[in-house]
Amino acid sequence: MADITIKHTRAEGTLIVGSEPGDGILELLNPWGFRYARTVGFVYLRGSRDRAADMRRIRGAQAALEADGHTVTLSIDETVRRSFQEAETERYQRAGGRAVRREARADRLQASSDAKWAEGRRIAASYMGEPVKVDHYSAGRHLRDLERSRKLCGQAVAEQEEADRCRSLADAAATYEQGRKHVGTTLRRLERLRADLGCIERKTAGTLRAAMQVAGTSAAVDPDQLAADLVRLDAEHHDLTEQIRAWEGHIEQAEADGAKVWRPDDFTPGDYVGLGERWYLVLRVNQKTLTVPKSVDWKAQVYNRANQLGKATSTLPYDKVTGRMSGDEMAAKLTAETATA
């Protein structure tokens, strides 16, 4: 039996200290999401870095180890962390590494697939469609060659599919940073982060209020537990505040570089708002969205009163807007299209 420490910090994530390869610890912890990192040689909880400790999984892992006779110690420290910018930079670097590795694997698979396909076709073509002479001495070799050709072509197809999958993953990894920094995506992320920050602030206030209400009674909150809860909430608040500040700075820089961030001041009722190749009449300007009509013709390029589905409306968030056109500009555009039709 071993002395195991389950250690968690936001900088390193949740790690298993005291385990050796082949000691059976990994098999016990697999159901709780723990994996073995071959590059560094330790067992870790996947997705635990830069996050609060997942106590449900940690307690489950502790119970599984203790049930097997191991001695388990928990070491949780939410204050040890790394900066958001450091974590974000590492994400981009890892994505770049994945892109290189997957592109190289796709190239290897593509070369192997092409070679097998060519060899399989060559073997099949060498018989020029000649049927198998079942009573001839060449029948055995003929059947073996056809079977080999079939296997080679099947392997070529499977490797081609895997090469296409790897290339798709490589493309996704190569554009990871670009997609993460996209203005619309960033605006939506900021909205979620601000909502999470408000939730943490309410939880902190609620925790303190509940502790004060039962202070001095038999139901008083354990001071150590209260301190641990507040440390965790404070760490969450710190992380969210740092992320919001970083992404707000990114939006400011993007605007300075010429990117357009659409806001309520950019629209008035009667304007047209672009979404891809479609244009919608602006019926009402709201704080977070624009109210636009629904159309009876889902193929229409312009949604307005002329093709509105009764009084049905929909909303379009500003982070998805791709353009603006005044009512007069749209009228001129439609007139020109009618004249040239």
Protein backbone atom coordinates (compact mmCIF):
# COMPACT_ATOMS: atom_id res chain seq x y z
CA MET A 1 0.00 0.00 0.00
CA ALA A 2 1.20 3.52 -0.78
CA ASP A 3 1.05 6.96 0.79
CA ILE A 4 -0.74 9.07 -1.82
CA THR A 5 -1.19 12.84 -1.86
CA ILE A 6 -3.87 14.41 -4.03
CA LYS A 7 -2.50 17.89 -4.64
CA HIS A 8 -4.35 20.76 -6.29
CA THR A 9 -3.23 24.25 -7.22
CA ARG A 10 -4.64 26.42 -9.99
CA ALA A 11 -1.19 26.72 -11.50
CA GLU A 12 -0.61 22.96 -11.88
CA GLY A 13 -4.08 21.44 -11.62
CA THR A 14 -4.88 18.27 -9.67
CA LEU A 15 -1.95 15.85 -9.41
CA ILE A 16 -1.37 12.48 -7.77
CA VAL A 17 1.88 12.42 -5.77
CA GLY A 18 3.36 9.09 -4.61
CA SER A 19 2.22 6.89 -7.49
CA GLU A 20 4.50 4.84 -9.72
CA PRO A 21 3.70 3.38 -13.16
CA GLY A 22 2.19 -0.07 -12.83
CA ASP A 23 1.17 0.22 -9.16
CA GLY A 24 -2.57 0.07 -10.00
CA ILE A 25 -3.32 3.62 -8.87
CA LEU A 26 -4.21 4.84 -12.37
CA GLU A 27 -6.71 2.04 -12.89
CA LEU A 28 -8.47 3.01 -9.64
CA LEU A 29 -8.66 6.67 -10.64
CA ASN A 30 -9.62 6.31 -14.31
CA PRO A 31 -13.39 6.36 -13.53
CA TRP A 32 -12.89 9.78 -11.88
CA GLY A 33 -11.25 11.38 -14.93
CA PHE A 34 -7.60 10.91 -13.99
CA ARG A 35 -5.06 10.20 -16.74
CA TYR A 36 -1.36 9.44 -16.99
CA ALA A 37 0.91 12.07 -18.57
CA ARG A 38 3.73 10.13 -20.26
CA THR A 39 5.74 13.25 -21.03
CA VAL A 40 6.18 14.17 -17.36
CA GLY A 41 5.42 10.88 -15.64
CA PHE A 42 2.54 11.63 -13.25
CA VAL A 43 -1.20 11.02 -12.89
CA TYR A 44 -3.36 14.13 -13.23
CA LEU A 45 -7.02 15.13 -13.42
CA ARG A 46 -7.80 16.16 -16.95
CA GLY A 47 -9.03 19.75 -17.37
CA SER A 48 -8.20 20.76 -13.79
CA ARG A 49 -5.56 23.40 -14.54
CA ASP A 50 -6.47 27.08 -14.03
CA ARG A 51 -9.71 26.01 -12.33
CA ALA A 52 -11.07 25.54 -8.85
CA ALA A 53 -10.58 22.10 -7.31
CA ASP A 54 -13.29 19.64 -8.40
CA MET A 55 -14.02 18.30 -4.93
CA ARG A 56 -16.58 15.76 -6.16
CA ARG A 57 -13.95 13.97 -8.23
CA ILE A 58 -11.22 14.49 -5.68
CA ARG A 59 -13.37 13.02 -2.88
CA GLY A 60 -14.35 10.14 -5.16
CA ALA A 61 -10.71 9.44 -5.97
CA GLN A 62 -9.84 9.61 -2.27
CA ALA A 63 -12.57 7.11 -1.39
CA ALA A 64 -11.47 4.72 -4.17
CA LEU A 65 -7.86 4.80 -2.99
CA GLU A 66 -8.72 4.37 0.68
CA ALA A 67 -11.04 1.47 -0.13
CA ASP A 68 -8.03 -0.24 -1.75
CA GLY A 69 -5.98 0.25 1.42
CA HIS A 70 -3.92 3.31 0.46
CA THR A 71 -3.30 6.25 2.79
CA VAL A 72 -4.51 9.47 1.16
CA THR A 73 -3.72 13.10 2.04
CA LEU A 74 -5.42 16.08 0.43
CA SER A 75 -3.49 19.26 -0.31
CA ILE A 76 -5.71 21.98 -1.78
CA ASP A 77 -4.37 25.50 -2.29
CA GLU A 78 -6.50 27.81 -4.44
CA THR A 79 -4.11 30.75 -4.01
CA VAL A 80 -1.27 29.31 -6.11
CA ARG A 81 -2.09 30.36 -9.64
CA ARG A 82 -0.60 31.68 -12.86
CA SER A 83 -1.64 34.79 -14.74
CA PHE A 84 -4.37 34.60 -17.35
CA GLN A 85 -2.01 35.91 -20.03
CA GLU A 86 0.52 33.18 -19.24
CA ALA A 87 -2.16 30.51 -19.49
CA GLU A 88 -3.55 31.98 -22.70
CA THR A 89 -0.12 32.15 -24.33
CA GLU A 90 0.49 28.50 -23.46
CA ARG A 91 -2.87 27.56 -25.05
CA TYR A 92 -1.82 29.20 -28.31
CA GLN A 93 1.57 27.48 -28.23
CA ARG A 94 0.01 24.09 -27.58
CA ALA A 95 -2.46 24.65 -30.41
CA GLY A 96 0.43 25.49 -32.72
CA GLY A 97 2.19 22.28 -31.70
CA ARG A 98 -0.97 20.24 -32.33
CA ALA A 99 -1.32 21.79 -35.77
CA VAL A 100 2.25 20.79 -36.71
CA ARG A 101 1.90 17.23 -35.36
CA ARG A 102 -1.48 16.57 -36.97
CA GLU A 103 -0.41 18.03 -40.29
CA ALA A 104 2.66 15.78 -40.27
CA ARG A 105 0.52 12.73 -39.44
CA ALA A 106 -1.91 13.66 -42.21
CA ASP A 107 0.98 13.85 -44.69
CA ARG A 108 2.28 10.41 -43.64
CA LEU A 109 -1.16 8.85 -43.91
CA GLN A 110 -1.78 10.50 -47.27
CA ALA A 111 1.49 9.16 -48.68
CA SER A 112 0.76 5.67 -47.36
CA SER A 113 -2.82 5.78 -48.69
CA ASP A 114 -1.69 6.88 -52.15
CA ALA A 115 0.95 4.14 -52.31
CA LYS A 116 -1.46 1.39 -51.22
CA TRP A 117 -4.17 2.56 -53.56
CA ALA A 118 -1.74 2.64 -56.49
CA GLU A 119 -0.39 -0.83 -55.64
CA GLY A 120 -3.88 -2.28 -55.24
CA ARG A 121 -4.98 -0.82 -58.57
CA ARG A 122 -1.80 -2.08 -60.24
CA ILE A 123 -2.39 -5.64 -59.03
CA ALA A 124 -6.03 -5.60 -60.14
CA ALA A 125 -5.17 -4.04 -63.50
CA SER A 126 -2.47 -6.64 -64.21
CA TYR A 127 -5.19 -9.22 -64.87
CA MET A 128 -7.07 -6.86 -67.22
CA GLY A 129 -10.45 -8.10 -65.97
CA GLU A 130 -9.60 -11.73 -66.68
CA PRO A 131 -11.85 -14.10 -64.67
CA VAL A 132 -10.37 -16.67 -62.30
CA LYS A 133 -9.76 -20.01 -64.05
CA VAL A 134 -10.84 -22.22 -61.18
CA ASP A 135 -9.50 -25.43 -62.77
CA HIS A 136 -6.18 -23.90 -63.77
CA TYR A 137 -2.96 -23.98 -61.75
CA SER A 138 -2.93 -20.13 -61.71
CA ALA A 139 -6.23 -19.90 -59.80
CA GLY A 140 -4.65 -19.83 -56.33
CA ARG A 141 -2.26 -17.02 -57.16
CA HIS A 142 -5.00 -15.13 -58.99
CA LEU A 143 -7.32 -15.30 -55.94
CA ARG A 144 -4.51 -14.29 -53.58
CA ASP A 145 -3.66 -11.29 -55.74
CA LEU A 146 -7.27 -10.16 -55.91
CA GLU A 147 -7.61 -10.48 -52.14
CA ARG A 148 -4.39 -8.51 -51.63
CA SER A 149 -5.64 -5.83 -54.01
CA ARG A 150 -8.92 -5.63 -52.10
CA LYS A 151 -7.13 -5.30 -48.75
CA LEU A 152 -4.73 -2.66 -50.04
CA CYS A 153 -7.56 -0.55 -51.47
CA GLY A 154 -9.55 -0.93 -48.23
CA GLN A 155 -6.54 0.15 -46.17
CA ALA A 156 -5.98 3.07 -48.55
CA VAL A 157 -9.56 4.27 -48.06
CA ALA A 158 -9.31 3.98 -44.26
CA GLU A 159 -6.00 5.86 -44.20
CA GLN A 160 -7.40 8.53 -46.51
CA GLU A 161 -10.31 9.09 -44.12
CA GLU A 162 -7.93 9.33 -41.17
CA ALA A 163 -5.67 11.71 -43.11
CA ASP A 164 -8.66 13.94 -43.86
CA ARG A 165 -9.65 13.88 -40.18
CA CYS A 166 -6.12 14.79 -39.07
CA ARG A 167 -5.94 17.60 -41.60
CA SER A 168 -9.25 18.96 -40.37
CA LEU A 169 -7.98 18.87 -36.78
CA ALA A 170 -4.74 20.53 -37.89
CA ASP A 171 -6.69 23.33 -39.59
CA ALA A 172 -8.78 23.83 -36.43
CA ALA A 173 -5.64 23.98 -34.27
CA ALA A 174 -3.94 26.39 -36.68
CA THR A 175 -6.88 28.80 -36.49
CA TYR A 176 -7.45 28.38 -32.73
CA GLU A 177 -5.90 31.70 -31.76
CA GLN A 178 -7.64 33.56 -34.57
CA GLY A 179 -11.01 32.10 -33.61
CA ARG A 180 -10.51 32.78 -29.93
CA LYS A 181 -9.65 36.42 -30.60
CA HIS A 182 -12.52 37.00 -33.06
CA VAL A 183 -14.38 40.15 -32.02
CA GLY A 184 -17.86 38.60 -32.03
CA THR A 185 -16.67 35.53 -30.13
CA THR A 186 -14.88 37.73 -27.61
CA LEU A 187 -17.97 39.87 -27.02
CA ARG A 188 -20.07 36.78 -26.34
CA ARG A 189 -17.36 35.46 -24.02
CA LEU A 190 -17.29 38.76 -22.13
CA GLU A 191 -21.04 38.57 -21.59
CA ARG A 192 -20.69 35.08 -20.09
CA LEU A 193 -17.74 36.11 -17.93
CA ARG A 194 -19.59 39.14 -16.55
CA ALA A 195 -22.58 36.95 -15.73
CA ASP A 196 -20.27 34.47 -13.94
CA LEU A 197 -18.64 37.35 -12.03
CA GLY A 198 -22.04 38.57 -10.84
CA CYS A 199 -22.89 35.03 -9.72
CA ILE A 200 -19.65 34.76 -7.71
CA GLU A 201 -20.29 38.14 -6.08
CA ARG A 202 -23.79 37.04 -5.07
CA LYS A 203 -22.45 33.73 -3.72
CA THR A 204 -19.83 35.55 -1.65
CA ALA A 205 -22.39 37.94 -0.20
CA GLY A 206 -24.77 35.04 0.49
CA THR A 207 -22.06 33.00 2.21
CA LEU A 208 -21.16 35.88 4.53
CA ARG A 209 -24.78 36.71 5.21
CA ALA A 210 -25.61 33.09 6.11
CA ALA A 211 -22.58 32.86 8.41
CA MET A 212 -23.55 36.06 10.21
CA GLN A 213 -27.15 34.91 10.69
CA VAL A 214 -26.13 31.77 12.58
CA ALA A 215 -23.14 33.27 14.40
CA GLY A 216 -23.23 32.54 18.14
CA THR A 217 -25.81 29.75 17.78
CA SER A 218 -25.51 25.99 17.77
CA ALA A 219 -25.72 26.07 13.99
CA ALA A 220 -22.70 28.37 13.64
CA VAL A 221 -20.57 27.81 10.54
CA ASP A 222 -17.20 26.14 11.03
CA PRO A 223 -14.61 28.96 10.75
CA ASP A 224 -12.18 26.79 8.79
CA GLN A 225 -14.87 25.81 6.28
CA LEU A 226 -16.00 29.43 5.96
CA ALA A 227 -12.41 30.54 5.33
CA ALA A 228 -11.93 27.81 2.70
CA ASP A 229 -15.16 28.79 0.93
CA LEU A 230 -14.21 32.47 0.91
CA VAL A 231 -10.70 31.71 -0.39
CA ARG A 232 -12.17 29.67 -3.23
CA LEU A 233 -14.73 32.37 -4.10
CA ASP A 234 -12.06 35.05 -3.93
CA ALA A 235 -9.85 33.07 -6.31
CA GLU A 236 -12.78 32.70 -8.73
CA HIS A 237 -13.46 36.43 -8.49
CA HIS A 238 -9.80 37.24 -9.13
CA ASP A 239 -9.63 34.94 -12.17
CA LEU A 240 -12.84 36.27 -13.71
CA THR A 241 -11.82 39.89 -13.12
CA GLU A 242 -8.45 39.28 -14.77
CA GLN A 243 -10.03 37.56 -17.77
CA ILE A 244 -12.61 40.32 -18.23
CA ARG A 245 -9.90 42.97 -18.06
CA ALA A 246 -7.76 41.11 -20.62
CA TRP A 247 -10.59 40.57 -23.11
CA GLU A 248 -11.84 44.14 -22.72
CA GLY A 249 -8.32 45.26 -23.57
CA HIS A 250 -8.38 43.01 -26.63
CA ILE A 251 -11.64 44.60 -27.83
CA GLU A 252 -10.21 48.09 -27.32
CA GLN A 253 -7.12 47.17 -29.31
CA ALA A 254 -9.21 45.58 -32.07
CA GLU A 255 -11.27 48.78 -32.37
CA ALA A 256 -8.09 50.85 -32.49
CA ASP A 257 -6.88 48.60 -35.32
CA GLY A 258 -10.05 49.25 -37.32
CA ALA A 259 -12.45 46.48 -36.26
CA LYS A 260 -16.08 47.55 -35.91
CA VAL A 261 -17.92 46.80 -32.68
CA TRP A 262 -21.62 47.43 -33.19
CA ARG A 263 -23.60 49.13 -30.43
CA PRO A 264 -27.14 50.54 -29.96
CA ASP A 265 -25.96 54.04 -30.95
CA ASP A 266 -25.18 52.76 -34.46
CA PHE A 267 -28.84 52.01 -35.30
CA THR A 268 -32.23 53.69 -35.42
CA PRO A 269 -35.59 52.09 -36.31
CA GLY A 270 -35.92 51.99 -40.10
CA ASP A 271 -32.27 51.09 -40.71
CA TYR A 272 -31.27 47.70 -42.11
CA VAL A 273 -28.86 45.43 -40.27
CA GLY A 274 -26.68 42.88 -42.04
CA LEU A 275 -26.23 39.28 -40.96
CA GLY A 276 -24.06 37.49 -43.49
CA GLU A 277 -25.71 37.95 -46.89
CA ARG A 278 -29.12 38.87 -45.44
CA TRP A 279 -30.51 42.23 -44.41
CA TYR A 280 -33.15 42.81 -41.76
CA LEU A 281 -35.28 45.88 -41.15
CA VAL A 282 -34.61 47.28 -37.67
CA LEU A 283 -37.95 47.54 -35.86
CA ARG A 284 -36.61 48.40 -32.42
CA VAL A 285 -33.21 49.16 -30.92
CA ASN A 286 -32.61 47.44 -27.57
CA GLN A 287 -29.69 47.48 -25.17
CA LYS A 288 -28.37 44.05 -26.18
CA THR A 289 -30.27 43.18 -29.35
CA LEU A 290 -32.09 44.56 -32.39
CA THR A 291 -35.70 43.57 -32.98
CA VAL A 292 -36.19 42.46 -36.60
CA PRO A 293 -39.11 40.89 -38.52
CA LYS A 294 -39.57 37.22 -39.28
CA SER A 295 -40.29 36.52 -42.94
CA VAL A 296 -42.77 34.27 -44.74
CA ASP A 297 -39.96 33.57 -47.25
CA TRP A 298 -36.98 31.95 -45.55
CA LYS A 299 -34.97 32.32 -48.79
CA ALA A 300 -35.44 36.09 -48.93
CA GLN A 301 -32.31 38.24 -48.88
CA VAL A 302 -34.16 41.22 -47.35
CA TYR A 303 -36.52 40.84 -44.38
CA ASN A 304 -38.90 43.79 -44.02
CA ARG A 305 -42.56 44.68 -43.62
CA ALA A 306 -43.35 43.55 -47.17
CA ASN A 307 -42.62 39.88 -46.40
CA GLN A 308 -43.08 39.85 -42.61
CA LEU A 309 -44.86 36.85 -41.15
CA GLY A 310 -47.82 38.67 -39.63
CA LYS A 311 -46.46 40.56 -36.65
CA ALA A 312 -43.81 37.94 -35.80
CA THR A 313 -40.41 39.31 -34.81
CA SER A 314 -37.03 38.03 -33.74
CA THR A 315 -33.93 39.50 -32.12
CA LEU A 316 -30.40 39.86 -33.44
CA PRO A 317 -27.52 40.39 -30.95
CA TYR A 318 -24.97 43.08 -31.77
CA ASP A 319 -22.06 40.64 -31.70
CA LYS A 320 -23.45 38.91 -34.83
CA VAL A 321 -24.02 42.07 -36.87
CA THR A 322 -21.94 42.26 -40.06
CA GLY A 323 -23.14 45.57 -41.53
CA ARG A 324 -25.57 48.50 -41.54
CA MET A 325 -27.55 50.24 -44.25
CA SER A 326 -29.95 53.15 -43.95
CA GLY A 327 -33.55 52.86 -45.15
CA ASP A 328 -32.81 55.17 -48.11
CA GLU A 329 -29.75 53.13 -49.11
CA MET A 330 -31.76 49.91 -49.01
CA ALA A 331 -34.58 51.49 -51.07
CA ALA A 332 -32.04 52.57 -53.70
CA LYS A 333 -30.47 49.09 -53.71
CA LEU A 334 -33.82 47.36 -54.20
CA THR A 335 -34.80 49.83 -56.96
CA ALA A 336 -31.52 49.19 -58.79
CA GLU A 337 -31.95 45.41 -58.52
CA THR A 338 -35.51 45.65 -59.87
CA ALA A 339 -34.38 47.81 -62.81
CA THR A 340 -31.65 45.31 -63.80
CA ALA A 341 -33.80 42.21 -63.32
